[in-house]
Amino acid sequence: MFGDAEFDGNFNKEGTDGSGTWSRDLKYNWSRDDSAFGNVVAAFTTGGGFDGRLNLKDGVATVHGVRGEWIQVVYKMNDNEWWKVHYAGNPGEEGDKTVEFMYKWLKVIDKDGNPTEHWDNYKEWSHAPLPNDACCGLHFIPCWGCCLSGNEMLENMTYPSPKQVVNLRIEGRDDSTIKKTD
């Protein structure tokens, strides 16, 4: 989430203390499924992105979409695990304690390119079949959303695809490069 993010505030070099704001462009360096939808999003996403506040000492960050929607708070459990919680309302508003959904962010590769303790589970999970197969299309053309209940669809969406598309931003170049990775 914070790779290639712009930070403004007072942070220590290790990234363990300080507070401020962050923002990240939606176009570059996001991994997307190698599906029809994922390729369209990678090719045609322009500008925009996410921003929020960051408190490294307490391990709490907020995430907002380009128009300030999506009231999400991210809590640090440890260096390799964060929990992202989506609330129905902003703090102080109706719904500010109602959790709409939440999930874990697990770091699978550290900043030096070494696998973390979550790497083997990630590999297994990304090659596993989707938990809810309604025979409404292949993973490349994910039409299963129109054949499943809301909860089944969300459960399928949490499974990563073994093939990803990344629109890379390369320092010193004005153009971008779309790469497919395994």
C-alpha atoms as a PDB file:
ATOM      1  CA  MET A   1       0.000   0.000   0.000  1.00  0.00           C
ATOM      2  CA  PHE A   2       2.724   2.460   0.911  1.00  0.00           C
ATOM      3  CA  GLY A   3       5.246   1.514  -1.803  1.00  0.00           C
ATOM      4  CA  ASP A   4       5.981   4.606  -3.901  1.00  0.00           C
ATOM      5  CA  ALA A   5       3.762   6.700  -1.617  1.00  0.00           C
ATOM      6  CA  GLU A   6       4.499  10.370  -1.010  1.00  0.00           C
ATOM      7  CA  PHE A   7       4.822  11.218   2.689  1.00  0.00           C
ATOM      8  CA  ASP A   8       4.500  14.599   4.369  1.00  0.00           C
ATOM      9  CA  GLY A   9       5.166  14.944   8.069  1.00  0.00           C
ATOM     10  CA  ASN A  10       7.783  14.111  10.645  1.00  0.00           C
ATOM     11  CA  PHE A  11       9.002  10.485  10.403  1.00  0.00           C
ATOM     12  CA  ASN A  12      12.146   8.735  11.612  1.00  0.00           C
ATOM     13  CA  LYS A  13      14.423   6.974   9.100  1.00  0.00           C
ATOM     14  CA  GLU A  14      13.371   3.478  10.252  1.00  0.00           C
ATOM     15  CA  GLY A  15       9.678   4.242   9.748  1.00  0.00           C
ATOM     16  CA  THR A  16       8.773   3.301  13.322  1.00  0.00           C
ATOM     17  CA  ASP A  17       7.860   6.708  14.740  1.00  0.00           C
ATOM     18  CA  GLY A  18       6.254   9.906  13.519  1.00  0.00           C
ATOM     19  CA  SER A  19       3.022  11.102  11.982  1.00  0.00           C
ATOM     20  CA  GLY A  20       1.752  12.927   8.929  1.00  0.00           C
ATOM     21  CA  THR A  21      -0.073  12.288   5.680  1.00  0.00           C
ATOM     22  CA  TRP A  22       0.521   9.988   2.708  1.00  0.00           C
ATOM     23  CA  SER A  23      -0.776   9.690  -0.858  1.00  0.00           C
ATOM     24  CA  ARG A  24      -0.265   7.142  -3.605  1.00  0.00           C
ATOM     25  CA  ASP A  25      -1.119   7.265  -7.318  1.00  0.00           C
ATOM     26  CA  LEU A  26      -3.538   4.569  -8.466  1.00  0.00           C
ATOM     27  CA  LYS A  27      -1.946   4.141 -11.899  1.00  0.00           C
ATOM     28  CA  TYR A  28       1.532   2.831 -11.144  1.00  0.00           C
ATOM     29  CA  ASN A  29       2.958  -0.182  -9.316  1.00  0.00           C
ATOM     30  CA  TRP A  30      -0.364  -1.713  -8.253  1.00  0.00           C
ATOM     31  CA  SER A  31      -0.683  -5.440  -8.823  1.00  0.00           C
ATOM     32  CA  ARG A  32      -3.896  -6.508 -10.574  1.00  0.00           C
ATOM     33  CA  ASP A  33      -5.234  -9.905 -11.620  1.00  0.00           C
ATOM     34  CA  ASP A  34      -4.301 -11.046 -15.110  1.00  0.00           C
ATOM     35  CA  SER A  35      -7.980 -11.089 -16.058  1.00  0.00           C
ATOM     36  CA  ALA A  36      -9.925  -9.116 -18.639  1.00  0.00           C
ATOM     37  CA  PHE A  37     -10.953  -6.663 -15.917  1.00  0.00           C
ATOM     38  CA  GLY A  38      -7.447  -6.477 -14.416  1.00  0.00           C
ATOM     39  CA  ASN A  39      -5.868  -5.702 -17.800  1.00  0.00           C
ATOM     40  CA  VAL A  40      -8.427  -2.976 -18.536  1.00  0.00           C
ATOM     41  CA  VAL A  41      -7.820  -1.393 -15.116  1.00  0.00           C
ATOM     42  CA  ALA A  42      -4.023  -1.553 -15.567  1.00  0.00           C
ATOM     43  CA  ALA A  43      -4.155  -0.041 -19.052  1.00  0.00           C
ATOM     44  CA  PHE A  44      -6.731   2.693 -18.544  1.00  0.00           C
ATOM     45  CA  THR A  45      -6.345   3.884 -14.959  1.00  0.00           C
ATOM     46  CA  THR A  46      -5.354   7.528 -14.940  1.00  0.00           C
ATOM     47  CA  GLY A  47      -4.299   9.539 -11.918  1.00  0.00           C
ATOM     48  CA  GLY A  48      -6.239   9.533  -8.721  1.00  0.00           C
ATOM     49  CA  GLY A  49      -5.405   7.122  -5.974  1.00  0.00           C
ATOM     50  CA  PHE A  50      -5.521   6.932  -2.237  1.00  0.00           C
ATOM     51  CA  ASP A  51      -4.446   9.154   0.611  1.00  0.00           C
ATOM     52  CA  GLY A  52      -4.740   9.298   4.356  1.00  0.00           C
ATOM     53  CA  ARG A  53      -3.116   9.978   7.684  1.00  0.00           C
ATOM     54  CA  LEU A  54      -0.352   7.933   9.241  1.00  0.00           C
ATOM     55  CA  ASN A  55       0.684   7.494  12.881  1.00  0.00           C
ATOM     56  CA  LEU A  56       3.704   5.177  12.897  1.00  0.00           C
ATOM     57  CA  LYS A  57       4.206   5.208  16.674  1.00  0.00           C
ATOM     58  CA  ASP A  58       0.718   3.787  17.290  1.00  0.00           C
ATOM     59  CA  GLY A  59       0.674   1.757  14.048  1.00  0.00           C
ATOM     60  CA  VAL A  60      -2.536   3.303  12.674  1.00  0.00           C
ATOM     61  CA  ALA A  61      -3.215   4.665   9.187  1.00  0.00           C
ATOM     62  CA  THR A  62      -6.351   5.865   7.431  1.00  0.00           C
ATOM     63  CA  VAL A  63      -7.161   5.187   3.788  1.00  0.00           C
ATOM     64  CA  HIS A  64      -9.441   7.367   1.659  1.00  0.00           C
ATOM     65  CA  GLY A  65     -10.285   7.143  -2.018  1.00  0.00           C
ATOM     66  CA  VAL A  66      -9.885   9.957  -4.535  1.00  0.00           C
ATOM     67  CA  ARG A  67     -13.090  11.689  -3.399  1.00  0.00           C
ATOM     68  CA  GLY A  68     -12.605  10.998   0.333  1.00  0.00           C
ATOM     69  CA  GLU A  69     -14.907   7.956   0.300  1.00  0.00           C
ATOM     70  CA  TRP A  70     -14.146   4.571   1.879  1.00  0.00           C
ATOM     71  CA  ILE A  71     -13.628   5.132   5.561  1.00  0.00           C
ATOM     72  CA  GLN A  72     -10.882   2.612   6.239  1.00  0.00           C
ATOM     73  CA  VAL A  73      -8.472   2.322   9.134  1.00  0.00           C
ATOM     74  CA  VAL A  74      -5.358   0.151   9.003  1.00  0.00           C
ATOM     75  CA  TYR A  75      -3.918  -1.206  12.258  1.00  0.00           C
ATOM     76  CA  LYS A  76      -0.362  -2.546  12.559  1.00  0.00           C
ATOM     77  CA  MET A  77      -0.180  -5.888  14.375  1.00  0.00           C
ATOM     78  CA  ASN A  78       3.545  -6.393  13.707  1.00  0.00           C
ATOM     79  CA  ASP A  79       6.036  -5.602  10.926  1.00  0.00           C
ATOM     80  CA  ASN A  80       4.562  -8.260   8.627  1.00  0.00           C
ATOM     81  CA  GLU A  81       0.847  -8.029   9.441  1.00  0.00           C
ATOM     82  CA  TRP A  82      -1.641  -5.143   9.279  1.00  0.00           C
ATOM     83  CA  TRP A  83      -5.450  -5.293   9.540  1.00  0.00           C
ATOM     84  CA  LYS A  84      -7.582  -3.121   7.255  1.00  0.00           C
ATOM     85  CA  VAL A  85     -11.052  -2.303   8.622  1.00  0.00           C
ATOM     86  CA  HIS A  86     -13.814  -0.612   6.607  1.00  0.00           C
ATOM     87  CA  TYR A  87     -16.304   1.287   8.790  1.00  0.00           C
ATOM     88  CA  ALA A  88     -19.794   2.491   7.840  1.00  0.00           C
ATOM     89  CA  GLY A  89     -19.054   6.064   8.995  1.00  0.00           C
ATOM     90  CA  ASN A  90     -16.250   8.494   9.765  1.00  0.00           C
ATOM     91  CA  PRO A  91     -15.178   8.921  13.416  1.00  0.00           C
ATOM     92  CA  GLY A  92     -17.925  10.769  15.301  1.00  0.00           C
ATOM     93  CA  GLU A  93     -20.552  10.011  12.643  1.00  0.00           C
ATOM     94  CA  GLU A  94     -23.331   7.444  12.691  1.00  0.00           C
ATOM     95  CA  GLY A  95     -21.849   4.035  11.835  1.00  0.00           C
ATOM     96  CA  ASP A  96     -18.342   4.869  13.050  1.00  0.00           C
ATOM     97  CA  LYS A  97     -18.256   1.629  15.085  1.00  0.00           C
ATOM     98  CA  THR A  98     -20.003  -0.561  12.473  1.00  0.00           C
ATOM     99  CA  VAL A  99     -17.523  -2.781  10.630  1.00  0.00           C
ATOM    100  CA  GLU A 100     -18.604  -3.383   7.029  1.00  0.00           C
ATOM    101  CA  PHE A 101     -15.658  -5.656   6.205  1.00  0.00           C
ATOM    102  CA  MET A 102     -12.051  -6.235   7.210  1.00  0.00           C
ATOM    103  CA  TYR A 103      -9.058  -8.266   6.085  1.00  0.00           C
ATOM    104  CA  LYS A 104      -5.352  -8.782   6.701  1.00  0.00           C
ATOM    105  CA  TRP A 105      -2.451  -7.324   4.761  1.00  0.00           C
ATOM    106  CA  LEU A 106       0.402  -9.800   5.073  1.00  0.00           C
ATOM    107  CA  LYS A 107       3.872  -8.851   3.922  1.00  0.00           C
ATOM    108  CA  VAL A 108       5.172 -11.769   1.846  1.00  0.00           C
ATOM    109  CA  ILE A 109       8.487 -10.224   0.719  1.00  0.00           C
ATOM    110  CA  ASP A 110      10.552  -7.810   2.802  1.00  0.00           C
ATOM    111  CA  LYS A 111      12.243  -4.636   1.534  1.00  0.00           C
ATOM    112  CA  ASP A 112      15.387  -6.628   0.628  1.00  0.00           C
ATOM    113  CA  GLY A 113      13.426  -9.140  -1.485  1.00  0.00           C
ATOM    114  CA  ASN A 114      13.524 -11.941   1.086  1.00  0.00           C
ATOM    115  CA  PRO A 115      10.424 -14.078   1.717  1.00  0.00           C
ATOM    116  CA  THR A 116       8.704 -13.588   5.078  1.00  0.00           C
ATOM    117  CA  GLU A 117       6.987 -16.239   7.193  1.00  0.00           C
ATOM    118  CA  HIS A 118       3.827 -15.687   5.063  1.00  0.00           C
ATOM    119  CA  TRP A 119       5.449 -16.538   1.694  1.00  0.00           C
ATOM    120  CA  ASP A 120       4.662 -20.279   1.577  1.00  0.00           C
ATOM    121  CA  ASN A 121       1.024 -19.711   2.553  1.00  0.00           C
ATOM    122  CA  TYR A 122       0.729 -16.991  -0.097  1.00  0.00           C
ATOM    123  CA  LYS A 123       2.071 -19.300  -2.828  1.00  0.00           C
ATOM    124  CA  GLU A 124      -0.334 -22.065  -1.809  1.00  0.00           C
ATOM    125  CA  TRP A 125      -3.264 -19.650  -1.559  1.00  0.00           C
ATOM    126  CA  SER A 126      -2.593 -18.021  -4.949  1.00  0.00           C
ATOM    127  CA  HIS A 127      -2.630 -21.408  -6.722  1.00  0.00           C
ATOM    128  CA  ALA A 128      -5.686 -22.783  -4.890  1.00  0.00           C
ATOM    129  CA  PRO A 129      -9.031 -22.987  -6.697  1.00  0.00           C
ATOM    130  CA  LEU A 130     -11.586 -20.320  -5.866  1.00  0.00           C
ATOM    131  CA  PRO A 131     -13.717 -21.376  -2.890  1.00  0.00           C
ATOM    132  CA  ASN A 132     -17.018 -20.724  -4.710  1.00  0.00           C
ATOM    133  CA  ASP A 133     -17.167 -21.979  -8.281  1.00  0.00           C
ATOM    134  CA  ALA A 134     -20.532 -21.215  -9.865  1.00  0.00           C
ATOM    135  CA  CYS A 135     -19.416 -22.165 -13.408  1.00  0.00           C
ATOM    136  CA  CYS A 136     -20.136 -18.642 -14.649  1.00  0.00           C
ATOM    137  CA  GLY A 137     -16.795 -18.018 -16.329  1.00  0.00           C
ATOM    138  CA  LEU A 138     -13.127 -18.653 -15.930  1.00  0.00           C
ATOM    139  CA  HIS A 139     -10.786 -16.700 -13.694  1.00  0.00           C
ATOM    140  CA  PHE A 140      -9.580 -14.789 -16.801  1.00  0.00           C
ATOM    141  CA  ILE A 141     -13.119 -13.527 -17.421  1.00  0.00           C
ATOM    142  CA  PRO A 142     -14.561 -13.384 -13.894  1.00  0.00           C
ATOM    143  CA  CYS A 143     -18.305 -13.596 -14.499  1.00  0.00           C
ATOM    144  CA  TRP A 144     -18.781 -15.589 -11.295  1.00  0.00           C
ATOM    145  CA  GLY A 145     -19.901 -12.414  -9.543  1.00  0.00           C
ATOM    146  CA  CYS A 146     -23.313 -12.569 -11.211  1.00  0.00           C
ATOM    147  CA  CYS A 147     -23.910 -16.180 -10.082  1.00  0.00           C
ATOM    148  CA  LEU A 148     -22.893 -15.959  -6.422  1.00  0.00           C
ATOM    149  CA  SER A 149     -24.245 -14.401  -3.253  1.00  0.00           C
ATOM    150  CA  GLY A 150     -22.560 -11.225  -1.987  1.00  0.00           C
ATOM    151  CA  ASN A 151     -20.582 -13.108   0.677  1.00  0.00           C
ATOM    152  CA  GLU A 152     -19.478 -15.803  -1.792  1.00  0.00           C
ATOM    153  CA  MET A 153     -18.338 -13.146  -4.250  1.00  0.00           C
ATOM    154  CA  LEU A 154     -16.328 -11.308  -1.564  1.00  0.00           C
ATOM    155  CA  GLU A 155     -14.735 -14.587  -0.461  1.00  0.00           C
ATOM    156  CA  ASN A 156     -13.634 -15.300  -4.054  1.00  0.00           C
ATOM    157  CA  MET A 157     -12.224 -11.786  -4.367  1.00  0.00           C
ATOM    158  CA  THR A 158      -9.856 -12.372  -1.435  1.00  0.00           C
ATOM    159  CA  TYR A 159      -8.013 -15.134  -3.295  1.00  0.00           C
ATOM    160  CA  PRO A 160      -4.997 -13.794  -5.204  1.00  0.00           C
ATOM    161  CA  SER A 161      -4.373 -14.855  -8.776  1.00  0.00           C
ATOM    162  CA  PRO A 162      -0.992 -16.485  -9.536  1.00  0.00           C
ATOM    163  CA  LYS A 163      -0.641 -14.170 -12.547  1.00  0.00           C
ATOM    164  CA  GLN A 164      -0.588 -10.417 -12.056  1.00  0.00           C
ATOM    165  CA  VAL A 165      -0.375  -7.303 -14.226  1.00  0.00           C
ATOM    166  CA  VAL A 166       1.686  -4.342 -13.026  1.00  0.00           C
ATOM    167  CA  ASN A 167       1.884  -0.920 -14.697  1.00  0.00           C
ATOM    168  CA  LEU A 168       5.454   0.028 -13.715  1.00  0.00           C
ATOM    169  CA  ARG A 169       6.720   3.548 -13.220  1.00  0.00           C
ATOM    170  CA  ILE A 170      10.411   3.669 -14.049  1.00  0.00           C
ATOM    171  CA  GLU A 171      12.446   6.573 -12.668  1.00  0.00           C
ATOM    172  CA  GLY A 172      13.706   8.896 -15.389  1.00  0.00           C
ATOM    173  CA  ARG A 173      11.100   7.820 -17.955  1.00  0.00           C
ATOM    174  CA  ASP A 174       7.843   9.562 -18.811  1.00  0.00           C
ATOM    175  CA  ASP A 175       6.147   6.475 -20.217  1.00  0.00           C
ATOM    176  CA  SER A 176       5.017   3.378 -18.353  1.00  0.00           C
ATOM    177  CA  THR A 177       5.597  -0.297 -18.959  1.00  0.00           C
ATOM    178  CA  ILE A 178       2.963  -2.979 -18.435  1.00  0.00           C
ATOM    179  CA  LYS A 179       4.479  -6.247 -17.198  1.00  0.00           C
ATOM    180  CA  LYS A 180       2.845  -9.597 -16.521  1.00  0.00           C
ATOM    181  CA  THR A 181       4.348 -11.557 -13.648  1.00  0.00           C
ATOM    182  CA  ASP A 182       4.027 -14.996 -12.075  1.00  0.00           C
END
